[in-house]
Amino acid sequence: MFKALGAVFAAVVVVAAAQVPASADGTPAPTRFSEFSINPTAVDVDHPTVTYTGRVVYTDAGGTEEGLPDARVCLRKDEVCLDYVNTDADGRFTAPVTLGTTGEHPTMVEGNAGAYFQGNADYRYALVTPGVFLHVLPAKTRISMAFDPAPSVIGATVKVTGRLERVMPDGGATGAAGQVVKVFFQPNTGGADPAVQIAQGLTAADGSYSVPATVPGEGYWHVETPYVYDRGPAGNGFGPYLSAQADSGVMVANHRTAITGFNAAPEPVGKGNTITATGRVVRYRADGSTEPGTSSPLLQFSTDGKKWTDLYGVDPDADGYFKITTPAVRDGYWRVDTTEMPGAGELPATSGSDYVDVRYRTAISSFNASPEPVRKGKTITVSGTLKRDTTAWKAFSDQSVKIYFQAKGATTWTYEGSAKTTSTGHFSRGFKAAKDGTWRATYSGGSSYLAVTGSGDYVDVR
């Protein structure tokens, strides 16, 4: 069949030009291609070689055409040189050119075949135009498509895999090597958004392909090989293979999420006081940037950081921020998790854990600095009661309480001394009155008790 087609399309072009005698002053002699042909004029992947044949002649000073020897001739197709050949002593040339069938820009693309002589100081240039049209008989193909892994996570990289096969006349198939495979994606928006190309690759020697692609979202995937190929200014033309295509159904994909800035505070906290857990739910776009998430965080508690107990859940605000409050009962770890209440199109996430030390509360009551007012140089007595809250508020004995003074107009506190609490939690100590100012007491706390600073008492010194 191929030989028959070659015979049908066989062509010979004789390029005519006016015979202009060379001038006596050494002007370059006119040249032309007196003969030009290609054989065959139709090719396919099994028969990729075309033979270019022709003759370059020049017109001498007497007006006679002679063959131009050793002329370097460009063997062209659509204005691109595929190879070069030099003419023989009679200006003739014949040379085979094997057309490429692989890569992004194969040379086996239908188009105009021609020849070109650039010329030199002695001879003018010559061009075969428009040339002889070279037909391409593209082979039928088929393509398969799969994923590794499934494109279920937005922003993740998956491999789009499959095999491009050439369908043989007997119904069999063989791999088509070195062919471009383009990957397209169309969002699942009911056709509101067009399909766009997101990746591209080449088939291997056996026709298989594996093209990495970033998952843009939930939607349809499509692979295809080129239908036509670029011929430059001449437009497009058929190449070595017909286009093959494959499509997926809707591939469901969800956003990865994260809990950022999680914190449980205060640290430490008094037993019975409130722990406030805060943070933000975000989800990742395909490009790795984030936006507010809609998953609802569930507060969890653990004494050992391994076994977790569910407590309360809340919905984040429009910007993804959340706040959950709970009573402080005992030392332990806090975190939030969205597994139970993920947002639409979002994967669950778990925050990091935050350990909070729960201590018994303390308080300083009945604090007083007296007398008020007091004469300068006289004694000021500072007193009060230190209490602790274990099962109830009780006196906190045998503890050191520090006394501080801040002079009127000052911004810092000065340590003046300490006092020990009695069995009733009472403390008292005298100081010499020197200037107007405020007195207060502090308890530094311990491994089981919170620190506390009492209210101040202003004393006027006269």
Protein backbone atom coordinates (compact mmCIF):
# COMPACT_ATOMS: atom_id res chain seq x y z
CA MET A 1 0.00 0.00 0.00
CA PHE A 2 2.81 2.40 0.91
CA LYS A 3 4.60 1.85 -2.41
CA ALA A 4 1.37 2.49 -4.26
CA LEU A 5 0.80 5.75 -2.40
CA GLY A 6 4.39 6.74 -3.07
CA ALA A 7 3.81 6.23 -6.75
CA VAL A 8 0.61 8.26 -6.66
CA PHE A 9 2.28 11.21 -4.89
CA ALA A 10 5.64 11.06 -6.73
CA ALA A 11 6.49 14.51 -8.01
CA VAL A 12 9.20 16.32 -9.86
CA VAL A 13 9.53 20.09 -9.77
CA VAL A 14 11.50 22.03 -12.31
CA VAL A 15 12.10 25.52 -11.03
CA ALA A 16 12.31 28.01 -13.85
CA ALA A 17 14.23 31.26 -13.81
CA ALA A 18 15.10 33.86 -16.40
CA GLN A 19 18.48 33.24 -17.96
CA VAL A 20 20.44 36.41 -17.36
CA PRO A 21 24.04 36.43 -18.63
CA ALA A 22 26.72 37.22 -16.07
CA SER A 23 28.02 40.76 -16.40
CA ALA A 24 31.56 41.42 -17.43
CA ASP A 25 32.28 43.32 -14.20
CA GLY A 26 32.21 40.14 -12.07
CA THR A 27 28.62 40.34 -10.81
CA PRO A 28 27.58 36.94 -9.36
CA ALA A 29 26.15 34.62 -11.98
CA PRO A 30 22.43 33.77 -11.82
CA THR A 31 21.56 30.29 -10.52
CA ARG A 32 18.44 28.14 -10.31
CA PHE A 33 17.26 24.66 -9.53
CA SER A 34 16.58 23.22 -12.97
CA GLU A 35 15.31 19.99 -11.40
CA PHE A 36 13.90 19.07 -8.00
CA SER A 37 11.93 16.09 -6.70
CA ILE A 38 11.32 14.01 -3.59
CA ASN A 39 10.59 10.31 -3.41
CA PRO A 40 8.32 9.14 -1.95
CA THR A 41 5.93 12.00 -1.36
CA ALA A 42 4.07 10.17 1.40
CA VAL A 43 5.68 8.77 4.54
CA ASP A 44 4.67 7.00 7.74
CA VAL A 45 6.38 5.72 10.91
CA ASP A 46 7.50 2.55 9.13
CA HIS A 47 8.85 4.44 6.11
CA PRO A 48 10.39 7.67 7.44
CA THR A 49 13.02 8.29 4.74
CA VAL A 50 12.60 10.76 1.85
CA THR A 51 15.15 11.12 -0.97
CA TYR A 52 15.76 14.66 -2.23
CA THR A 53 16.99 14.87 -5.85
CA GLY A 54 17.78 17.88 -8.01
CA ARG A 55 20.21 19.95 -10.03
CA VAL A 56 21.63 23.45 -9.55
CA VAL A 57 22.68 25.32 -12.70
CA TYR A 58 24.16 28.73 -13.38
CA THR A 59 24.16 30.97 -16.45
CA ASP A 60 27.61 31.82 -17.76
CA ALA A 61 28.65 35.07 -19.44
CA GLY A 62 27.62 33.69 -22.80
CA GLY A 63 24.10 32.89 -21.63
CA THR A 64 24.62 29.14 -21.43
CA GLU A 65 23.38 27.12 -18.43
CA GLU A 66 25.92 24.86 -16.82
CA GLY A 67 25.74 22.55 -13.81
CA LEU A 68 27.13 24.22 -10.67
CA PRO A 69 29.62 21.84 -9.03
CA ASP A 70 30.25 21.54 -5.26
CA ALA A 71 27.33 23.79 -4.33
CA ARG A 72 26.17 23.32 -0.73
CA VAL A 73 22.41 22.71 -0.88
CA CYS A 74 20.04 22.94 2.08
CA LEU A 75 17.36 20.22 1.99
CA ARG A 76 14.34 21.97 3.46
CA LYS A 77 10.86 21.37 4.73
CA ASP A 78 8.69 24.33 5.66
CA GLU A 79 11.67 26.71 5.68
CA VAL A 80 13.77 24.52 8.01
CA CYS A 81 16.96 22.81 6.81
CA LEU A 82 16.79 19.10 7.60
CA ASP A 83 20.19 18.28 6.09
CA TYR A 84 22.83 19.50 3.61
CA VAL A 85 24.35 17.96 0.49
CA ASN A 86 26.97 19.10 -2.04
CA THR A 87 26.35 18.90 -5.81
CA ASP A 88 28.52 16.74 -8.08
CA ALA A 89 30.53 17.97 -11.05
CA ASP A 90 27.34 18.37 -13.10
CA GLY A 91 25.48 20.26 -10.35
CA ARG A 92 23.38 17.26 -9.42
CA PHE A 93 22.55 15.98 -5.96
CA THR A 94 20.62 13.14 -4.38
CA ALA A 95 20.41 12.52 -0.64
CA PRO A 96 18.17 10.57 1.75
CA VAL A 97 16.65 12.38 4.74
CA THR A 98 15.19 10.34 7.60
CA LEU A 99 12.39 12.23 9.32
CA GLY A 100 12.13 12.19 13.11
CA THR A 101 9.01 10.76 14.71
CA THR A 102 9.67 11.49 18.41
CA GLY A 103 9.83 14.44 20.76
CA GLU A 104 7.87 17.65 21.04
CA HIS A 105 8.89 18.78 17.54
CA PRO A 106 9.11 15.77 15.20
CA THR A 107 10.23 16.47 11.64
CA MET A 108 7.76 13.96 10.21
CA VAL A 109 5.03 16.56 9.78
CA GLU A 110 3.28 17.14 6.50
CA GLY A 111 4.50 20.21 4.66
CA ASN A 112 6.38 21.62 1.68
CA ALA A 113 9.72 20.04 0.81
CA GLY A 114 12.22 22.18 -1.08
CA ALA A 115 15.86 23.13 -1.47
CA TYR A 116 17.97 26.24 -1.11
CA PHE A 117 21.39 27.36 -2.33
CA GLN A 118 22.71 30.30 -0.34
CA GLY A 119 25.01 31.62 -3.04
CA ASN A 120 28.43 33.23 -2.68
CA ALA A 121 30.64 35.89 -4.23
CA ASP A 122 30.48 34.15 -7.64
CA TYR A 123 26.91 32.81 -7.74
CA ARG A 124 23.55 34.17 -6.72
CA TYR A 125 21.24 32.27 -4.37
CA ALA A 126 18.56 29.89 -5.68
CA LEU A 127 15.38 28.61 -4.02
CA VAL A 128 12.84 25.90 -4.75
CA THR A 129 9.46 27.39 -3.89
CA PRO A 130 6.79 26.45 -2.99
CA GLY A 131 8.31 22.98 -3.36
CA VAL A 132 6.68 19.56 -3.29
CA PHE A 133 4.08 18.77 -0.66
CA LEU A 134 5.13 15.88 1.57
CA HIS A 135 2.17 13.89 2.87
CA VAL A 136 2.23 12.07 6.22
CA LEU A 137 0.05 9.03 6.82
CA PRO A 138 -0.41 9.10 10.63
CA ALA A 139 -0.74 5.84 12.52
CA LYS A 140 -3.82 5.15 14.64
CA THR A 141 -3.20 5.12 18.41
CA ARG A 142 -4.90 4.48 21.72
CA ILE A 143 -3.96 5.57 25.24
CA SER A 144 -4.75 4.46 28.79
CA MET A 145 -4.71 6.53 31.98
CA ALA A 146 -4.29 5.74 35.69
CA PHE A 147 -3.01 7.48 38.85
CA ASP A 148 -0.37 6.70 41.45
CA PRO A 149 -1.67 7.45 44.03
CA ALA A 150 -5.24 8.60 43.43
CA PRO A 151 -5.49 12.41 43.14
CA SER A 152 -7.41 12.77 46.41
CA VAL A 153 -5.39 15.47 48.20
CA ILE A 154 -5.31 19.00 46.80
CA GLY A 155 -1.74 20.23 46.38
CA ALA A 156 -0.24 16.74 46.49
CA THR A 157 1.91 15.43 43.63
CA VAL A 158 0.64 12.33 41.85
CA LYS A 159 1.87 10.43 38.82
CA VAL A 160 -0.47 10.23 35.85
CA THR A 161 0.45 6.93 34.22
CA GLY A 162 -0.56 4.83 31.24
CA ARG A 163 0.57 3.58 27.85
CA LEU A 164 0.31 4.97 24.35
CA GLU A 165 -0.05 2.22 21.77
CA ARG A 166 0.04 2.20 18.00
CA VAL A 167 -2.83 0.11 16.64
CA MET A 168 -1.52 -2.25 13.96
CA PRO A 169 -3.50 -3.21 10.82
CA ASP A 170 -3.98 -6.74 12.18
CA GLY A 171 -5.61 -5.38 15.35
CA GLY A 172 -2.56 -5.84 17.53
CA ALA A 173 -0.76 -3.00 19.27
CA THR A 174 2.78 -1.88 20.02
CA GLY A 175 4.11 0.92 22.21
CA ALA A 176 4.58 4.34 20.61
CA ALA A 177 7.86 5.76 21.90
CA GLY A 178 8.89 9.36 22.41
CA GLN A 179 5.44 10.91 22.02
CA VAL A 180 4.13 13.95 23.87
CA VAL A 181 1.41 13.26 26.44
CA LYS A 182 -0.46 16.30 27.75
CA VAL A 183 -2.39 16.22 31.04
CA PHE A 184 -5.47 18.43 31.46
CA PHE A 185 -7.74 19.16 34.44
CA GLN A 186 -11.26 20.60 34.58
CA PRO A 187 -12.81 21.60 37.94
CA ASN A 188 -16.06 19.93 38.92
CA THR A 189 -18.08 23.12 38.52
CA GLY A 190 -20.69 21.97 36.03
CA GLY A 191 -18.76 23.27 33.06
CA ALA A 192 -18.33 26.79 34.42
CA ASP A 193 -14.55 26.45 34.28
CA PRO A 194 -12.62 25.22 31.22
CA ALA A 195 -10.09 22.42 31.16
CA VAL A 196 -6.49 23.62 31.41
CA GLN A 197 -3.21 21.84 30.76
CA ILE A 198 -1.35 21.14 34.01
CA ALA A 199 1.48 18.80 32.98
CA GLN A 200 3.26 17.21 30.04
CA GLY A 201 5.69 14.36 29.41
CA LEU A 202 7.05 11.89 26.84
CA THR A 203 6.37 8.20 26.42
CA ALA A 204 9.18 5.73 27.10
CA ALA A 205 10.55 3.17 24.62
CA ASP A 206 7.63 0.82 25.34
CA GLY A 207 5.03 3.60 25.03
CA SER A 208 4.47 3.90 28.77
CA TYR A 209 4.37 7.29 30.46
CA SER A 210 4.51 8.61 34.01
CA VAL A 211 3.90 12.34 34.30
CA PRO A 212 4.04 14.08 37.72
CA ALA A 213 1.23 16.57 38.31
CA THR A 214 0.00 18.68 41.22
CA VAL A 215 -3.63 18.01 42.16
CA PRO A 216 -5.52 21.30 41.52
CA GLY A 217 -8.80 20.26 43.10
CA GLU A 218 -11.81 18.02 42.63
CA GLY A 219 -12.68 17.42 39.01
CA TYR A 220 -12.05 15.64 35.74
CA TRP A 221 -8.67 14.53 34.36
CA HIS A 222 -7.86 14.11 30.68
CA VAL A 223 -4.78 12.97 28.75
CA GLU A 224 -4.14 13.35 25.05
CA THR A 225 -1.46 13.26 22.41
CA PRO A 226 -1.17 16.02 19.77
CA TYR A 227 -3.71 16.09 16.96
CA VAL A 228 -1.58 18.27 14.71
CA TYR A 229 1.94 19.69 14.92
CA ASP A 230 3.35 23.15 14.42
CA ARG A 231 4.69 23.89 10.92
CA GLY A 232 5.83 27.39 11.82
CA PRO A 233 4.53 30.13 9.48
CA ALA A 234 2.86 27.41 7.39
CA GLY A 235 0.44 26.56 10.21
CA ASN A 236 -0.22 23.06 11.52
CA GLY A 237 -0.06 19.63 9.94
CA PHE A 238 -0.50 15.95 10.64
CA GLY A 239 2.40 14.17 12.29
CA PRO A 240 3.46 10.54 12.67
CA TYR A 241 0.52 9.53 14.89
CA LEU A 242 -3.15 10.35 15.18
CA SER A 243 -4.27 11.84 18.48
CA ALA A 244 -5.34 9.54 21.30
CA GLN A 245 -7.32 10.60 24.37
CA ALA A 246 -8.49 9.21 27.71
CA ASP A 247 -10.70 10.69 30.44
CA SER A 248 -11.47 10.05 34.09
CA GLY A 249 -14.71 10.48 35.95
CA VAL A 250 -14.91 13.02 38.77
CA MET A 251 -11.90 12.53 41.03
CA VAL A 252 -12.82 13.63 44.56
CA ALA A 253 -10.08 15.67 46.24
CA ASN A 254 -9.93 17.34 49.65
CA HIS A 255 -7.84 20.10 51.17
CA ARG A 256 -5.13 19.30 53.68
CA THR A 257 -5.72 21.23 56.90
CA ALA A 258 -3.69 22.27 59.92
CA ILE A 259 -4.22 23.77 63.36
CA THR A 260 -1.85 26.72 63.72
CA GLY A 261 -0.90 28.74 66.78
CA PHE A 262 -2.52 26.36 69.24
CA ASN A 263 -2.14 27.41 72.88
CA ALA A 264 -3.70 26.44 76.21
CA ALA A 265 -3.36 29.19 78.82
CA PRO A 266 -2.60 30.42 81.39
CA GLU A 267 0.42 28.32 82.33
CA PRO A 268 0.44 27.47 85.17
CA VAL A 269 -3.20 27.82 86.09
CA GLY A 270 -5.00 27.72 89.40
CA LYS A 271 -7.15 24.70 90.07
CA GLY A 272 -10.77 25.59 89.37
CA ASN A 273 -9.80 28.55 87.22
CA THR A 274 -10.46 28.63 83.47
CA ILE A 275 -8.15 27.23 80.79
CA THR A 276 -8.60 28.90 77.41
CA ALA A 277 -7.54 27.00 74.28
CA THR A 278 -7.03 29.11 71.15
CA GLY A 279 -5.73 28.62 67.62
CA ARG A 280 -6.67 28.73 63.96
CA VAL A 281 -7.91 26.18 61.44
CA VAL A 282 -6.40 26.65 57.98
CA ARG A 283 -6.55 24.66 54.79
CA TYR A 284 -4.00 24.47 52.01
CA ARG A 285 -4.60 25.52 48.43
CA ALA A 286 -2.97 23.66 45.53
CA ASP A 287 -0.08 26.17 45.45
CA GLY A 288 0.72 25.59 49.13
CA SER A 289 -0.74 28.87 50.40
CA THR A 290 -3.40 28.79 53.12
CA GLU A 291 -6.91 30.09 53.63
CA PRO A 292 -9.34 29.86 56.58
CA GLY A 293 -10.63 26.36 57.24
CA THR A 294 -14.15 25.39 58.27
CA SER A 295 -13.47 22.19 60.26
CA SER A 296 -14.67 22.31 63.88
CA PRO A 297 -11.96 21.67 66.50
CA LEU A 298 -12.73 19.31 69.38
CA LEU A 299 -10.84 19.97 72.63
CA GLN A 300 -9.10 16.90 74.05
CA PHE A 301 -7.29 16.23 77.35
CA SER A 302 -4.71 13.63 78.38
CA THR A 303 -2.77 13.03 81.57
CA ASP A 304 0.02 11.17 79.75
CA GLY A 305 -0.08 12.59 76.20
CA LYS A 306 -1.17 9.21 74.82
CA LYS A 307 -4.75 8.44 75.78
CA TRP A 308 -7.08 11.33 74.95
CA THR A 309 -10.53 12.26 76.23
CA ASP A 310 -12.95 14.33 74.12
CA LEU A 311 -14.37 17.42 75.85
CA TYR A 312 -15.95 20.25 73.85
CA GLY A 313 -16.18 21.27 70.20
CA VAL A 314 -16.72 24.69 68.61
CA ASP A 315 -17.03 26.13 65.13
CA PRO A 316 -14.25 28.46 63.95
CA ASP A 317 -15.10 31.99 62.91
CA ALA A 318 -14.97 33.23 59.31
CA ASP A 319 -11.20 33.62 59.55
CA GLY A 320 -10.67 30.15 61.01
CA TYR A 321 -9.96 31.27 64.60
CA PHE A 322 -11.43 29.48 67.61
CA LYS A 323 -11.54 29.77 71.42
CA ILE A 324 -12.59 27.01 73.83
CA THR A 325 -12.80 27.41 77.62
CA THR A 326 -12.84 24.68 80.26
CA PRO A 327 -12.24 24.43 84.05
CA ALA A 328 -8.71 23.54 85.18
CA VAL A 329 -8.92 20.30 87.16
CA ARG A 330 -5.48 18.65 87.01
CA ASP A 331 -2.12 18.72 85.29
CA GLY A 332 -2.09 17.41 81.74
CA TYR A 333 -1.88 17.84 78.00
CA TRP A 334 -4.33 19.71 75.81
CA ARG A 335 -4.91 19.61 72.06
CA VAL A 336 -7.66 19.94 69.46
CA ASP A 337 -8.66 17.52 66.71
CA THR A 338 -11.07 17.88 63.77
CA THR A 339 -11.58 14.19 62.94
CA GLU A 340 -15.12 14.15 64.31
CA MET A 341 -16.24 17.38 62.61
CA PRO A 342 -14.26 18.02 59.39
CA GLY A 343 -15.39 20.82 57.11
CA ALA A 344 -16.69 20.18 53.60
CA GLY A 345 -13.83 19.19 51.32
CA GLU A 346 -11.32 19.15 54.19
CA LEU A 347 -9.16 16.41 55.66
CA PRO A 348 -8.91 16.13 59.47
CA ALA A 349 -6.03 17.62 61.43
CA THR A 350 -4.66 17.40 64.96
CA SER A 351 -2.84 20.22 66.72
CA GLY A 352 0.31 19.84 68.71
CA SER A 353 -0.19 19.30 72.44
CA ASP A 354 0.35 21.90 75.17
CA TYR A 355 1.09 20.87 78.76
CA VAL A 356 -0.55 22.95 81.49
CA ASP A 357 0.51 22.73 85.12
CA VAL A 358 -2.51 23.04 87.43
CA ARG A 359 -1.62 24.40 90.88
CA TYR A 360 -3.59 25.30 93.98
CA ARG A 361 -4.70 28.90 94.10
CA THR A 362 -3.42 31.27 96.78
CA ALA A 363 -4.62 34.66 97.99
CA ILE A 364 -3.55 37.48 100.29
CA SER A 365 -6.44 38.93 102.24
CA SER A 366 -6.92 41.63 104.90
CA PHE A 367 -3.74 43.37 103.75
CA ASN A 368 -3.05 46.62 105.59
CA ALA A 369 -0.24 49.11 106.11
CA SER A 370 -0.87 51.30 109.19
CA PRO A 371 -1.16 53.75 110.76
CA GLU A 372 -2.44 56.07 108.05
CA PRO A 373 -1.21 58.78 108.01
CA VAL A 374 2.08 58.24 109.84
CA ARG A 375 4.80 60.59 111.00
CA LYS A 376 8.17 60.34 109.28
CA GLY A 377 10.54 58.08 111.20
CA LYS A 378 7.77 56.25 112.99
CA THR A 379 6.95 52.55 112.38
CA ILE A 380 4.60 51.34 109.65
CA THR A 381 3.21 47.87 110.30
CA VAL A 382 2.42 45.79 107.22
CA SER A 383 0.14 42.79 107.83
CA GLY A 384 -2.21 40.38 106.10
CA THR A 385 -3.28 36.75 105.75
CA LEU A 386 -2.06 34.17 103.20
CA LYS A 387 -4.62 31.55 102.18
CA ARG A 388 -4.63 28.52 99.88
CA ASP A 389 -7.47 26.77 98.05
CA THR A 390 -7.12 22.98 98.11
CA THR A 391 -10.56 21.59 98.81
CA ALA A 392 -11.57 24.93 100.37
CA TRP A 393 -9.92 28.23 101.27
CA LYS A 394 -7.75 27.70 104.36
CA ALA A 395 -4.88 29.40 106.17
CA PHE A 396 -1.45 28.80 104.59
CA SER A 397 1.10 28.57 107.38
CA ASP A 398 4.89 28.62 107.52
CA GLN A 399 5.32 30.47 104.21
CA SER A 400 7.54 33.43 103.35
CA VAL A 401 5.77 36.57 102.20
CA LYS A 402 7.81 39.36 100.60
CA ILE A 403 7.04 43.02 101.28
CA TYR A 404 7.55 45.67 98.57
CA PHE A 405 7.28 49.47 98.57
CA GLN A 406 6.73 51.92 95.71
CA ALA A 407 7.41 55.57 96.49
CA LYS A 408 4.93 58.16 95.29
CA GLY A 409 5.71 59.07 91.67
CA ALA A 410 8.01 56.04 91.15
CA THR A 411 7.43 53.26 88.60
CA THR A 412 9.38 50.44 90.25
CA TRP A 413 8.90 48.43 93.40
CA THR A 414 11.62 48.05 96.04
CA TYR A 415 11.99 44.93 98.14
CA GLU A 416 11.89 45.87 101.83
CA GLY A 417 11.91 42.52 103.62
CA SER A 418 9.92 39.36 104.32
CA ALA A 419 7.61 37.92 106.94
CA LYS A 420 6.69 34.35 107.93
CA THR A 421 3.07 33.25 108.14
CA THR A 422 1.73 31.82 111.39
CA SER A 423 -0.50 28.77 111.82
CA THR A 424 -3.43 31.03 110.95
CA GLY A 425 -1.71 32.32 107.80
CA HIS A 426 -1.18 35.73 109.38
CA PHE A 427 1.98 37.74 108.70
CA SER A 428 3.18 41.09 110.06
CA ARG A 429 6.31 43.23 109.94
CA GLY A 430 7.23 46.80 110.85
CA PHE A 431 9.20 49.29 108.72
CA LYS A 432 10.40 52.86 109.36
CA ALA A 433 8.25 55.42 107.56
CA ALA A 434 10.37 57.48 105.17
CA LYS A 435 8.18 58.79 102.38
CA ASP A 436 4.71 58.64 100.89
CA GLY A 437 4.00 55.48 98.89
CA THR A 438 2.26 52.17 98.43
CA TRP A 439 2.97 48.89 100.23
CA ARG A 440 2.11 45.41 99.03
CA ALA A 441 2.89 41.75 99.71
CA THR A 442 3.69 38.88 97.35
CA TYR A 443 3.90 35.12 97.68
CA SER A 444 6.30 33.46 95.18
CA GLY A 445 4.41 30.19 94.94
CA GLY A 446 5.84 26.68 94.61
CA SER A 447 5.58 23.46 92.62
CA SER A 448 2.00 22.96 93.82
CA TYR A 449 0.90 26.53 94.51
CA LEU A 450 0.43 29.59 92.36
CA ALA A 451 2.20 32.83 93.11
CA VAL A 452 0.07 35.75 94.17
CA THR A 453 0.44 39.49 94.63
CA GLY A 454 -1.91 41.22 97.01
CA SER A 455 -3.52 44.60 96.54
CA GLY A 456 -1.54 47.68 97.55
CA ASP A 457 -2.15 50.07 100.45
CA TYR A 458 -1.09 53.73 100.18
CA VAL A 459 0.34 55.47 103.27
CA ASP A 460 0.75 59.23 103.64
CA VAL A 461 3.97 60.08 105.54
CA ARG A 462 3.99 63.50 107.24
